[in-house]
Every structure is written in C-alpha cells, then in structure tokens.
Amino acid sequence: MQWGMITYCIPLKDYPNTYNGKPLGYAALASQKNYNSIYLFSVYGDPDMEQWFKGRFIAAGKKLDMGKSCVHFKKLDDLPLDLIAETIARVPKDVYIKHYEASRRSVKKKSD
C-alpha cells in the first residue's frame, strides 16, 4: 500500500534512487467516492505508449475516461482486462526505470 492505494512497485532494493525515497510505483488501484481508478504509470509521459493504449482501449469497445496516468471506471466490466495486463507487461522493469530517469533529468533541467 502506498498513498492509500494498492500499489505494484519496483522495490527499493532493485531501484533505490527515487526522488522521494519510496519504491518506484509501476501500477496502482484506488477506490474513489464515485469511481475506481487504475494507475498505469508506464503510460504517463510516453506519448507513443499513451496513443497505443488509447487506441487499443477504444478498439476494445470500452468507453475511456482517462486522466494523465489513471483510467477511471465504475465496475470491472468497464475495463478491457487483457489490455491492462498487456500494458503493464509491455514495459519491462529496466525500460521503465530508464524512462523514469529520463523524466527526472528533464525535471532537473527545467528547474535549473
């Protein structure tokens, strides 16, 4: 559990260099008052992955209600679960860490 959500993380023993000292979040599941959210951090900040995901979600015949990294849904049937699994599996840990490190370098450059 992190930030009040069920979270799948890359453990600190595998990647300790996070900006906040907490395990690097990979995917999470949260319950809100009027909906649930699944957070797919590998989609956030990667325009190609985001475009691929959105296209596949809509092609599955499901209505997409998406924030930056989260997909809102009311019931499990609102999600194409095979796509969720494929999205998570599509970005291996090492690739995700490289993407994360690149995003952190970008943040540092903007603040300099």
PDB file of N, CA and C in Angstrom:
ATOM      1  N   MET A   1       0.851  -1.184   0.000  1.00  0.00           N
ATOM      2  CA  MET A   1       0.000   0.000   0.000  1.00  0.00           C
ATOM      3  C   MET A   1       0.890   1.239   0.000  1.00  0.00           C
ATOM      4  N   GLN A   2       0.592   2.154  -0.889  1.00  0.00           N
ATOM      5  CA  GLN A   2       1.240   3.466  -0.904  1.00  0.00           C
ATOM      6  C   GLN A   2       0.194   4.495  -1.263  1.00  0.00           C
ATOM      7  N   TRP A   3       0.259   5.637  -0.616  1.00  0.00           N
ATOM      8  CA  TRP A   3      -0.658   6.745  -0.901  1.00  0.00           C
ATOM      9  C   TRP A   3      -2.116   6.304  -0.853  1.00  0.00           C
ATOM     10  N   GLY A   4      -2.436   5.353   0.012  1.00  0.00           N
ATOM     11  CA  GLY A   4      -3.794   4.871   0.170  1.00  0.00           C
ATOM     12  C   GLY A   4      -4.287   3.990  -0.969  1.00  0.00           C
ATOM     13  N   MET A   5      -3.371   3.483  -1.778  1.00  0.00           N
ATOM     14  CA  MET A   5      -3.743   2.651  -2.920  1.00  0.00           C
ATOM     15  C   MET A   5      -3.009   1.317  -2.859  1.00  0.00           C
ATOM     16  N   ILE A   6      -3.622   0.300  -3.451  1.00  0.00           N
ATOM     17  CA  ILE A   6      -2.911  -0.949  -3.689  1.00  0.00           C
ATOM     18  C   ILE A   6      -1.922  -0.635  -4.805  1.00  0.00           C
ATOM     19  N   THR A   7      -0.643  -0.821  -4.539  1.00  0.00           N
ATOM     20  CA  THR A   7       0.377  -0.371  -5.489  1.00  0.00           C
ATOM     21  C   THR A   7       1.356  -1.486  -5.813  1.00  0.00           C
ATOM     22  N   TYR A   8       1.635  -1.630  -7.089  1.00  0.00           N
ATOM     23  CA  TYR A   8       2.680  -2.528  -7.557  1.00  0.00           C
ATOM     24  C   TYR A   8       3.898  -1.647  -7.795  1.00  0.00           C
ATOM     25  N   CYS A   9       4.984  -1.944  -7.100  1.00  0.00           N
ATOM     26  CA  CYS A   9       6.177  -1.089  -7.133  1.00  0.00           C
ATOM     27  C   CYS A   9       7.421  -1.871  -7.503  1.00  0.00           C
ATOM     28  N   ILE A  10       8.416  -1.114  -7.930  1.00  0.00           N
ATOM     29  CA  ILE A  10       9.760  -1.657  -8.070  1.00  0.00           C
ATOM     30  C   ILE A  10      10.416  -1.433  -6.707  1.00  0.00           C
ATOM     31  N   PRO A  11      10.785  -2.490  -6.019  1.00  0.00           N
ATOM     32  CA  PRO A  11      11.311  -2.351  -4.645  1.00  0.00           C
ATOM     33  C   PRO A  11      12.583  -1.499  -4.591  1.00  0.00           C
ATOM     34  N   LEU A  12      12.791  -0.879  -3.449  1.00  0.00           N
ATOM     35  CA  LEU A  12      13.988  -0.054  -3.253  1.00  0.00           C
ATOM     36  C   LEU A  12      15.267  -0.873  -3.398  1.00  0.00           C
ATOM     37  N   LYS A  13      15.222  -2.158  -3.083  1.00  0.00           N
ATOM     38  CA  LYS A  13      16.434  -2.981  -3.246  1.00  0.00           C
ATOM     39  C   LYS A  13      16.806  -3.113  -4.728  1.00  0.00           C
ATOM     40  N   ASP A  14      15.814  -3.013  -5.621  1.00  0.00           N
ATOM     41  CA  ASP A  14      16.076  -3.079  -7.063  1.00  0.00           C
ATOM     42  C   ASP A  14      16.365  -1.712  -7.661  1.00  0.00           C
ATOM     43  N   TYR A  15      15.751  -0.664  -7.076  1.00  0.00           N
ATOM     44  CA  TYR A  15      15.991   0.696  -7.571  1.00  0.00           C
ATOM     45  C   TYR A  15      15.803   1.676  -6.416  1.00  0.00           C
ATOM     46  N   PRO A  16      16.897   2.028  -5.730  1.00  0.00           N
ATOM     47  CA  PRO A  16      16.804   2.896  -4.559  1.00  0.00           C
ATOM     48  C   PRO A  16      16.847   4.394  -4.865  1.00  0.00           C
ATOM     49  N   ASN A  17      17.076   4.785  -6.106  1.00  0.00           N
ATOM     50  CA  ASN A  17      17.329   6.187  -6.440  1.00  0.00           C
ATOM     51  C   ASN A  17      16.072   6.982  -6.790  1.00  0.00           C
ATOM     52  N   THR A  18      14.995   6.807  -6.049  1.00  0.00           N
ATOM     53  CA  THR A  18      13.779   7.562  -6.327  1.00  0.00           C
ATOM     54  C   THR A  18      13.883   8.951  -5.712  1.00  0.00           C
ATOM     55  N   TYR A  19      13.138   9.901  -6.264  1.00  0.00           N
ATOM     56  CA  TYR A  19      13.236  11.277  -5.781  1.00  0.00           C
ATOM     57  C   TYR A  19      12.701  11.441  -4.357  1.00  0.00           C
ATOM     58  N   ASN A  20      11.800  10.548  -3.930  1.00  0.00           N
ATOM     59  CA  ASN A  20      11.201  10.693  -2.610  1.00  0.00           C
ATOM     60  C   ASN A  20      11.587   9.584  -1.626  1.00  0.00           C
ATOM     61  N   GLY A  21      12.484   8.686  -2.044  1.00  0.00           N
ATOM     62  CA  GLY A  21      12.931   7.615  -1.164  1.00  0.00           C
ATOM     63  C   GLY A  21      11.937   6.475  -0.998  1.00  0.00           C
ATOM     64  N   LYS A  22      10.856   6.489  -1.759  1.00  0.00           N
ATOM     65  CA  LYS A  22       9.853   5.418  -1.703  1.00  0.00           C
ATOM     66  C   LYS A  22      10.002   4.529  -2.929  1.00  0.00           C
ATOM     67  N   PRO A  23       9.515   3.301  -2.864  1.00  0.00           N
ATOM     68  CA  PRO A  23       9.596   2.431  -4.040  1.00  0.00           C
ATOM     69  C   PRO A  23       8.944   3.080  -5.260  1.00  0.00           C
ATOM     70  N   LEU A  24       9.488   2.795  -6.416  1.00  0.00           N
ATOM     71  CA  LEU A  24       9.024   3.396  -7.667  1.00  0.00           C
ATOM     72  C   LEU A  24       7.719   2.733  -8.101  1.00  0.00           C
ATOM     73  N   GLY A  25       6.642   3.514  -8.104  1.00  0.00           N
ATOM     74  CA  GLY A  25       5.329   2.997  -8.477  1.00  0.00           C
ATOM     75  C   GLY A  25       5.274   2.597  -9.946  1.00  0.00           C
ATOM     76  N   TYR A  26       4.613   1.491 -10.202  1.00  0.00           N
ATOM     77  CA  TYR A  26       4.505   0.933 -11.551  1.00  0.00           C
ATOM     78  C   TYR A  26       3.049   0.886 -12.003  1.00  0.00           C
ATOM     79  N   ALA A  27       2.179   0.477 -11.091  1.00  0.00           N
ATOM     80  CA  ALA A  27       0.736   0.444 -11.327  1.00  0.00           C
ATOM     81  C   ALA A  27       0.053   0.489  -9.965  1.00  0.00           C
ATOM     82  N   ALA A  28      -1.175   1.025  -9.941  1.00  0.00           N
ATOM     83  CA  ALA A  28      -1.888   1.120  -8.669  1.00  0.00           C
ATOM     84  C   ALA A  28      -3.390   1.045  -8.906  1.00  0.00           C
ATOM     85  N   LEU A  29      -4.095   0.694  -7.859  1.00  0.00           N
ATOM     86  CA  LEU A  29      -5.541   0.594  -7.896  1.00  0.00           C
ATOM     87  C   LEU A  29      -6.096   1.389  -6.725  1.00  0.00           C
ATOM     88  N   ALA A  30      -7.017   2.314  -7.018  1.00  0.00           N
ATOM     89  CA  ALA A  30      -7.580   3.169  -5.980  1.00  0.00           C
ATOM     90  C   ALA A  30      -9.102   3.176  -6.060  1.00  0.00           C
ATOM     91  N   SER A  31      -9.714   3.345  -4.917  1.00  0.00           N
ATOM     92  CA  SER A  31     -11.161   3.467  -4.842  1.00  0.00           C
ATOM     93  C   SER A  31     -11.499   4.895  -4.440  1.00  0.00           C
ATOM     94  N   GLN A  32     -12.260   5.577  -5.276  1.00  0.00           N
ATOM     95  CA  GLN A  32     -12.705   6.937  -5.004  1.00  0.00           C
ATOM     96  C   GLN A  32     -14.182   6.879  -4.589  1.00  0.00           C
ATOM     97  N   LYS A  33     -14.759   8.015  -4.304  1.00  0.00           N
ATOM     98  CA  LYS A  33     -16.159   8.043  -3.869  1.00  0.00           C
ATOM     99  C   LYS A  33     -17.110   7.541  -4.958  1.00  0.00           C
ATOM    100  N   ASN A  34     -16.920   8.010  -6.200  1.00  0.00           N
ATOM    101  CA  ASN A  34     -17.862   7.698  -7.272  1.00  0.00           C
ATOM    102  C   ASN A  34     -17.307   6.783  -8.358  1.00  0.00           C
ATOM    103  N   TYR A  35     -16.068   6.373  -8.221  1.00  0.00           N
ATOM    104  CA  TYR A  35     -15.452   5.527  -9.244  1.00  0.00           C
ATOM    105  C   TYR A  35     -14.190   4.897  -8.676  1.00  0.00           C
ATOM    106  N   ASN A  36     -13.604   4.014  -9.445  1.00  0.00           N
ATOM    107  CA  ASN A  36     -12.305   3.419  -9.136  1.00  0.00           C
ATOM    108  C   ASN A  36     -11.310   3.925 -10.167  1.00  0.00           C
ATOM    109  N   SER A  37     -10.053   3.833  -9.864  1.00  0.00           N
ATOM    110  CA  SER A  37      -9.012   4.231 -10.810  1.00  0.00           C
ATOM    111  C   SER A  37      -7.916   3.187 -10.833  1.00  0.00           C
ATOM    112  N   ILE A  38      -7.443   2.912 -12.026  1.00  0.00           N
ATOM    113  CA  ILE A  38      -6.233   2.114 -12.172  1.00  0.00           C
ATOM    114  C   ILE A  38      -5.178   3.043 -12.749  1.00  0.00           C
ATOM    115  N   TYR A  39      -4.051   3.110 -12.069  1.00  0.00           N
ATOM    116  CA  TYR A  39      -2.954   3.981 -12.479  1.00  0.00           C
ATOM    117  C   TYR A  39      -1.936   3.135 -13.242  1.00  0.00           C
ATOM    118  N   LEU A  40      -1.659   3.554 -14.446  1.00  0.00           N
ATOM    119  CA  LEU A  40      -0.696   2.863 -15.302  1.00  0.00           C
ATOM    120  C   LEU A  40       0.448   3.840 -15.570  1.00  0.00           C
ATOM    121  N   PHE A  41       1.414   3.853 -14.678  1.00  0.00           N
ATOM    122  CA  PHE A  41       2.469   4.849 -14.736  1.00  0.00           C
ATOM    123  C   PHE A  41       3.329   4.736 -15.988  1.00  0.00           C
ATOM    124  N   SER A  42       3.365   3.578 -16.605  1.00  0.00           N
ATOM    125  CA  SER A  42       4.159   3.425 -17.830  1.00  0.00           C
ATOM    126  C   SER A  42       3.536   4.169 -19.006  1.00  0.00           C
ATOM    127  N   VAL A  43       2.263   4.513 -18.912  1.00  0.00           N
ATOM    128  CA  VAL A  43       1.577   5.259 -19.971  1.00  0.00           C
ATOM    129  C   VAL A  43       1.852   6.755 -19.829  1.00  0.00           C
ATOM    130  N   TYR A  44       2.006   7.208 -18.590  1.00  0.00           N
ATOM    131  CA  TYR A  44       2.209   8.632 -18.316  1.00  0.00           C
ATOM    132  C   TYR A  44       3.576   9.101 -18.835  1.00  0.00           C
ATOM    133  N   GLY A  45       3.579  10.163 -19.573  1.00  0.00           N
ATOM    134  CA  GLY A  45       4.829  10.756 -20.041  1.00  0.00           C
ATOM    135  C   GLY A  45       5.428  10.100 -21.258  1.00  0.00           C
ATOM    136  N   ASP A  46       4.781   9.114 -21.827  1.00  0.00           N
ATOM    137  CA  ASP A  46       5.268   8.454 -23.037  1.00  0.00           C
ATOM    138  C   ASP A  46       4.176   8.582 -24.103  1.00  0.00           C
ATOM    139  N   PRO A  47       4.281   9.604 -24.975  1.00  0.00           N
ATOM    140  CA  PRO A  47       3.218   9.852 -25.959  1.00  0.00           C
ATOM    141  C   PRO A  47       2.913   8.652 -26.858  1.00  0.00           C
ATOM    142  N   ASP A  48       3.927   7.891 -27.238  1.00  0.00           N
ATOM    143  CA  ASP A  48       3.687   6.713 -28.090  1.00  0.00           C
ATOM    144  C   ASP A  48       2.886   5.659 -27.342  1.00  0.00           C
ATOM    145  N   MET A  49       3.255   5.405 -26.093  1.00  0.00           N
ATOM    146  CA  MET A  49       2.548   4.428 -25.282  1.00  0.00           C
ATOM    147  C   MET A  49       1.115   4.897 -25.019  1.00  0.00           C
ATOM    148  N   GLU A  50       0.952   6.165 -24.749  1.00  0.00           N
ATOM    149  CA  GLU A  50      -0.381   6.714 -24.492  1.00  0.00           C
ATOM    150  C   GLU A  50      -1.284   6.570 -25.719  1.00  0.00           C
ATOM    151  N   GLN A  51      -0.763   6.902 -26.877  1.00  0.00           N
ATOM    152  CA  GLN A  51      -1.536   6.773 -28.115  1.00  0.00           C
ATOM    153  C   GLN A  51      -1.904   5.310 -28.373  1.00  0.00           C
ATOM    154  N   TRP A  52      -0.937   4.412 -28.198  1.00  0.00           N
ATOM    155  CA  TRP A  52      -1.191   2.985 -28.371  1.00  0.00           C
ATOM    156  C   TRP A  52      -2.285   2.525 -27.423  1.00  0.00           C
ATOM    157  N   PHE A  53      -2.168   2.902 -26.136  1.00  0.00           N
ATOM    158  CA  PHE A  53      -3.122   2.471 -25.126  1.00  0.00           C
ATOM    159  C   PHE A  53      -4.528   2.983 -25.433  1.00  0.00           C
ATOM    160  N   LYS A  54      -4.640   4.266 -25.737  1.00  0.00           N
ATOM    161  CA  LYS A  54      -5.957   4.848 -26.015  1.00  0.00           C
ATOM    162  C   LYS A  54      -6.612   4.181 -27.224  1.00  0.00           C
ATOM    163  N   GLY A  55      -5.832   3.963 -28.264  1.00  0.00           N
ATOM    164  CA  GLY A  55      -6.368   3.313 -29.454  1.00  0.00           C
ATOM    165  C   GLY A  55      -6.867   1.911 -29.173  1.00  0.00           C
ATOM    166  N   ARG A  56      -6.084   1.155 -28.439  1.00  0.00           N
ATOM    167  CA  ARG A  56      -6.464  -0.223 -28.102  1.00  0.00           C
ATOM    168  C   ARG A  56      -7.672  -0.258 -27.164  1.00  0.00           C
ATOM    169  N   PHE A  57      -7.745   0.688 -26.229  1.00  0.00           N
ATOM    170  CA  PHE A  57      -8.866   0.739 -25.290  1.00  0.00           C
ATOM    171  C   PHE A  57     -10.169   0.975 -26.051  1.00  0.00           C
ATOM    172  N   ILE A  58     -10.169   1.954 -26.924  1.00  0.00           N
ATOM    173  CA  ILE A  58     -11.362   2.282 -27.706  1.00  0.00           C
ATOM    174  C   ILE A  58     -11.707   1.139 -28.665  1.00  0.00           C
ATOM    175  N   ALA A  59     -10.691   0.525 -29.263  1.00  0.00           N
ATOM    176  CA  ALA A  59     -10.916  -0.602 -30.171  1.00  0.00           C
ATOM    177  C   ALA A  59     -11.553  -1.790 -29.444  1.00  0.00           C
ATOM    178  N   ALA A  60     -11.347  -1.869 -28.134  1.00  0.00           N
ATOM    179  CA  ALA A  60     -11.948  -2.944 -27.348  1.00  0.00           C
ATOM    180  C   ALA A  60     -13.432  -2.694 -27.088  1.00  0.00           C
ATOM    181  N   GLY A  61     -13.916  -1.541 -27.553  1.00  0.00           N
ATOM    182  CA  GLY A  61     -15.335  -1.229 -27.392  1.00  0.00           C
ATOM    183  C   GLY A  61     -15.704  -0.688 -26.023  1.00  0.00           C
ATOM    184  N   LYS A  62     -14.706  -0.201 -25.306  1.00  0.00           N
ATOM    185  CA  LYS A  62     -14.945   0.338 -23.964  1.00  0.00           C
ATOM    186  C   LYS A  62     -14.860   1.855 -24.004  1.00  0.00           C
ATOM    187  N   LYS A  63     -15.586   2.517 -23.125  1.00  0.00           N
ATOM    188  CA  LYS A  63     -15.541   3.971 -23.012  1.00  0.00           C
ATOM    189  C   LYS A  63     -14.343   4.349 -22.144  1.00  0.00           C
ATOM    190  N   LEU A  64     -13.474   5.191 -22.689  1.00  0.00           N
ATOM    191  CA  LEU A  64     -12.257   5.578 -21.972  1.00  0.00           C
ATOM    192  C   LEU A  64     -12.478   6.881 -21.217  1.00  0.00           C
ATOM    193  N   ASP A  65     -12.277   6.843 -19.917  1.00  0.00           N
ATOM    194  CA  ASP A  65     -12.294   8.019 -19.052  1.00  0.00           C
ATOM    195  C   ASP A  65     -10.926   8.042 -18.387  1.00  0.00           C
ATOM    196  N   MET A  66     -10.041   8.885 -18.921  1.00  0.00           N
ATOM    197  CA  MET A  66      -8.636   8.817 -18.514  1.00  0.00           C
ATOM    198  C   MET A  66      -8.096  10.176 -18.098  1.00  0.00           C
ATOM    199  N   GLY A  67      -7.319  10.164 -17.008  1.00  0.00           N
ATOM    200  CA  GLY A  67      -6.539  11.324 -16.611  1.00  0.00           C
ATOM    201  C   GLY A  67      -5.153  11.160 -17.208  1.00  0.00           C
ATOM    202  N   LYS A  68      -4.129  11.714 -16.564  1.00  0.00           N
ATOM    203  CA  LYS A  68      -2.772  11.602 -17.108  1.00  0.00           C
ATOM    204  C   LYS A  68      -2.233  10.183 -17.050  1.00  0.00           C
ATOM    205  N   SER A  69      -2.405   9.533 -15.923  1.00  0.00           N
ATOM    206  CA  SER A  69      -1.905   8.155 -15.808  1.00  0.00           C
ATOM    207  C   SER A  69      -2.960   7.203 -15.284  1.00  0.00           C
ATOM    208  N   CYS A  70      -4.167   7.683 -15.093  1.00  0.00           N
ATOM    209  CA  CYS A  70      -5.187   6.832 -14.489  1.00  0.00           C
ATOM    210  C   CYS A  70      -6.390   6.666 -15.410  1.00  0.00           C
ATOM    211  N   VAL A  71      -6.986   5.508 -15.313  1.00  0.00           N
ATOM    212  CA  VAL A  71      -8.215   5.202 -16.023  1.00  0.00           C
ATOM    213  C   VAL A  71      -9.295   5.044 -14.963  1.00  0.00           C
ATOM    214  N   HIS A  72     -10.353   5.850 -15.096  1.00  0.00           N
ATOM    215  CA  HIS A  72     -11.469   5.786 -14.160  1.00  0.00           C
ATOM    216  C   HIS A  72     -12.482   4.763 -14.658  1.00  0.00           C
ATOM    217  N   PHE A  73     -13.058   4.009 -13.728  1.00  0.00           N
ATOM    218  CA  PHE A  73     -14.077   3.029 -14.094  1.00  0.00           C
ATOM    219  C   PHE A  73     -14.996   2.798 -12.900  1.00  0.00           C
ATOM    220  N   LYS A  74     -16.229   2.426 -13.196  1.00  0.00           N
ATOM    221  CA  LYS A  74     -17.201   2.167 -12.126  1.00  0.00           C
ATOM    222  C   LYS A  74     -17.250   0.696 -11.758  1.00  0.00           C
ATOM    223  N   LYS A  75     -17.156  -0.167 -12.757  1.00  0.00           N
ATOM    224  CA  LYS A  75     -17.175  -1.604 -12.477  1.00  0.00           C
ATOM    225  C   LYS A  75     -16.118  -2.285 -13.337  1.00  0.00           C
ATOM    226  N   LEU A  76     -15.712  -3.451 -12.910  1.00  0.00           N
ATOM    227  CA  LEU A  76     -14.633  -4.172 -13.569  1.00  0.00           C
ATOM    228  C   LEU A  76     -14.921  -4.423 -15.048  1.00  0.00           C
ATOM    229  N   ASP A  77     -16.174  -4.627 -15.379  1.00  0.00           N
ATOM    230  CA  ASP A  77     -16.546  -4.862 -16.781  1.00  0.00           C
ATOM    231  C   ASP A  77     -16.290  -3.653 -17.675  1.00  0.00           C
ATOM    232  N   ASP A  78     -16.033  -2.484 -17.088  1.00  0.00           N
ATOM    233  CA  ASP A  78     -15.728  -1.282 -17.865  1.00  0.00           C
ATOM    234  C   ASP A  78     -14.300  -1.285 -18.403  1.00  0.00           C
ATOM    235  N   LEU A  79     -13.490  -2.233 -17.948  1.00  0.00           N
ATOM    236  CA  LEU A  79     -12.086  -2.305 -18.352  1.00  0.00           C
ATOM    237  C   LEU A  79     -11.838  -3.487 -19.284  1.00  0.00           C
ATOM    238  N   PRO A  80     -11.022  -3.290 -20.325  1.00  0.00           N
ATOM    239  CA  PRO A  80     -10.540  -4.443 -21.099  1.00  0.00           C
ATOM    240  C   PRO A  80      -9.335  -5.027 -20.344  1.00  0.00           C
ATOM    241  N   LEU A  81      -9.578  -5.996 -19.501  1.00  0.00           N
ATOM    242  CA  LEU A  81      -8.544  -6.502 -18.600  1.00  0.00           C
ATOM    243  C   LEU A  81      -7.334  -7.061 -19.333  1.00  0.00           C
ATOM    244  N   ASP A  82      -7.548  -7.663 -20.509  1.00  0.00           N
ATOM    245  CA  ASP A  82      -6.407  -8.159 -21.275  1.00  0.00           C
ATOM    246  C   ASP A  82      -5.502  -7.009 -21.704  1.00  0.00           C
ATOM    247  N   LEU A  83      -6.080  -5.863 -22.023  1.00  0.00           N
ATOM    248  CA  LEU A  83      -5.274  -4.691 -22.391  1.00  0.00           C
ATOM    249  C   LEU A  83      -4.525  -4.141 -21.183  1.00  0.00           C
ATOM    250  N   ILE A  84      -5.163  -4.127 -20.029  1.00  0.00           N
ATOM    251  CA  ILE A  84      -4.482  -3.659 -18.814  1.00  0.00           C
ATOM    252  C   ILE A  84      -3.261  -4.536 -18.552  1.00  0.00           C
ATOM    253  N   ALA A  85      -3.444  -5.847 -18.635  1.00  0.00           N
ATOM    254  CA  ALA A  85      -2.325  -6.773 -18.422  1.00  0.00           C
ATOM    255  C   ALA A  85      -1.237  -6.564 -19.474  1.00  0.00           C
ATOM    256  N   GLU A  86      -1.635  -6.416 -20.725  1.00  0.00           N
ATOM    257  CA  GLU A  86      -0.659  -6.215 -21.801  1.00  0.00           C
ATOM    258  C   GLU A  86       0.101  -4.906 -21.610  1.00  0.00           C
ATOM    259  N   THR A  87      -0.590  -3.874 -21.162  1.00  0.00           N
ATOM    260  CA  THR A  87       0.048  -2.569 -20.946  1.00  0.00           C
ATOM    261  C   THR A  87       1.119  -2.669 -19.865  1.00  0.00           C
ATOM    262  N   ILE A  88       0.791  -3.339 -18.782  1.00  0.00           N
ATOM    263  CA  ILE A  88       1.763  -3.490 -17.687  1.00  0.00           C
ATOM    264  C   ILE A  88       2.945  -4.350 -18.150  1.00  0.00           C
ATOM    265  N   ALA A  89       2.658  -5.435 -18.860  1.00  0.00           N
ATOM    266  CA  ALA A  89       3.720  -6.341 -19.317  1.00  0.00           C
ATOM    267  C   ALA A  89       4.569  -5.732 -20.436  1.00  0.00           C
ATOM    268  N   ARG A  90       4.031  -4.769 -21.137  1.00  0.00           N
ATOM    269  CA  ARG A  90       4.702  -4.185 -22.308  1.00  0.00           C
ATOM    270  C   ARG A  90       5.980  -3.416 -21.949  1.00  0.00           C
ATOM    271  N   VAL A  91       6.052  -2.927 -20.719  1.00  0.00           N
ATOM    272  CA  VAL A  91       7.208  -2.119 -20.308  1.00  0.00           C
ATOM    273  C   VAL A  91       7.944  -2.858 -19.199  1.00  0.00           C
ATOM    274  N   PRO A  92       9.015  -3.549 -19.542  1.00  0.00           N
ATOM    275  CA  PRO A  92       9.803  -4.258 -18.527  1.00  0.00           C
ATOM    276  C   PRO A  92      10.417  -3.283 -17.519  1.00  0.00           C
ATOM    277  N   LYS A  93      10.756  -3.811 -16.371  1.00  0.00           N
ATOM    278  CA  LYS A  93      11.293  -3.004 -15.271  1.00  0.00           C
ATOM    279  C   LYS A  93      12.452  -2.115 -15.717  1.00  0.00           C
ATOM    280  N   ASP A  94      13.416  -2.670 -16.429  1.00  0.00           N
ATOM    281  CA  ASP A  94      14.595  -1.886 -16.835  1.00  0.00           C
ATOM    282  C   ASP A  94      14.225  -0.743 -17.774  1.00  0.00           C
ATOM    283  N   VAL A  95      13.291  -0.973 -18.664  1.00  0.00           N
ATOM    284  CA  VAL A  95      12.833   0.072 -19.585  1.00  0.00           C
ATOM    285  C   VAL A  95      12.104   1.161 -18.793  1.00  0.00           C
ATOM    286  N   TYR A  96      11.265   0.750 -17.851  1.00  0.00           N
ATOM    287  CA  TYR A  96      10.529   1.709 -17.034  1.00  0.00           C
ATOM    288  C   TYR A  96      11.490   2.570 -16.212  1.00  0.00           C
ATOM    289  N   ILE A  97      12.512   1.973 -15.658  1.00  0.00           N
ATOM    290  CA  ILE A  97      13.493   2.735 -14.876  1.00  0.00           C
ATOM    291  C   ILE A  97      14.213   3.748 -15.760  1.00  0.00           C
ATOM    292  N   LYS A  98      14.593   3.365 -16.967  1.00  0.00           N
ATOM    293  CA  LYS A  98      15.248   4.310 -17.888  1.00  0.00           C
ATOM    294  C   LYS A  98      14.319   5.472 -18.220  1.00  0.00           C
ATOM    295  N   HIS A  99      13.053   5.175 -18.442  1.00  0.00           N
ATOM    296  CA  HIS A  99      12.066   6.215 -18.722  1.00  0.00           C
ATOM    297  C   HIS A  99      11.935   7.153 -17.517  1.00  0.00           C
ATOM    298  N   TYR A 100      11.873   6.581 -16.318  1.00  0.00           N
ATOM    299  CA  TYR A 100      11.782   7.361 -15.091  1.00  0.00           C
ATOM    300  C   TYR A 100      13.005   8.271 -14.937  1.00  0.00           C
ATOM    301  N   GLU A 101      14.193   7.721 -15.148  1.00  0.00           N
ATOM    302  CA  GLU A 101      15.414   8.518 -15.013  1.00  0.00           C
ATOM    303  C   GLU A 101      15.447   9.657 -16.025  1.00  0.00           C
ATOM    304  N   ALA A 102      15.012   9.403 -17.248  1.00  0.00           N
ATOM    305  CA  ALA A 102      14.962  10.455 -18.268  1.00  0.00           C
ATOM    306  C   ALA A 102      13.988  11.555 -17.855  1.00  0.00           C
ATOM    307  N   SER A 103      12.864  11.162 -17.272  1.00  0.00           N
ATOM    308  CA  SER A 103      11.889  12.174 -16.845  1.00  0.00           C
ATOM    309  C   SER A 103      12.449  13.010 -15.700  1.00  0.00           C
ATOM    310  N   ARG A 104      13.206  12.408 -14.807  1.00  0.00           N
ATOM    311  CA  ARG A 104      13.801  13.150 -13.696  1.00  0.00           C
ATOM    312  C   ARG A 104      14.874  14.115 -14.200  1.00  0.00           C
ATOM    313  N   ARG A 105      15.661  13.703 -15.200  1.00  0.00           N
ATOM    314  CA  ARG A 105      16.655  14.614 -15.804  1.00  0.00           C
ATOM    315  C   ARG A 105      15.945  15.797 -16.444  1.00  0.00           C
ATOM    316  N   SER A 106      14.825  15.554 -17.077  1.00  0.00           N
ATOM    317  CA  SER A 106      14.051  16.613 -17.702  1.00  0.00           C
ATOM    318  C   SER A 106      13.548  17.610 -16.664  1.00  0.00           C
ATOM    319  N   VAL A 107      13.081  17.121 -15.529  1.00  0.00           N
ATOM    320  CA  VAL A 107      12.597  17.983 -14.450  1.00  0.00           C
ATOM    321  C   VAL A 107      13.748  18.829 -13.910  1.00  0.00           C
ATOM    322  N   LYS A 108      14.908  18.222 -13.740  1.00  0.00           N
ATOM    323  CA  LYS A 108      16.074  18.951 -13.228  1.00  0.00           C
ATOM    324  C   LYS A 108      16.491  20.056 -14.193  1.00  0.00           C
ATOM    325  N   LYS A 109      16.490  19.771 -15.498  1.00  0.00           N
ATOM    326  CA  LYS A 109      16.869  20.790 -16.495  1.00  0.00           C
ATOM    327  C   LYS A 109      15.925  21.980 -16.456  1.00  0.00           C
ATOM    328  N   LYS A 110      14.631  21.721 -16.303  1.00  0.00           N
ATOM    329  CA  LYS A 110      13.638  22.796 -16.256  1.00  0.00           C
ATOM    330  C   LYS A 110      13.808  23.667 -15.025  1.00  0.00           C
ATOM    331  N   SER A 111      14.249  23.059 -13.916  1.00  0.00           N
ATOM    332  CA  SER A 111      14.402  23.824 -12.675  1.00  0.00           C
ATOM    333  C   SER A 111      15.720  24.575 -12.610  1.00  0.00           C
ATOM    334  N   ASP A 112      16.673  24.241 -13.483  1.00  0.00           N
ATOM    335  CA  ASP A 112      17.989  24.944 -13.473  1.00  0.00           C
ATOM    336  C   ASP A 112      17.911  26.320 -14.103  1.00  0.00           C
TER     337      ASP A 112
END
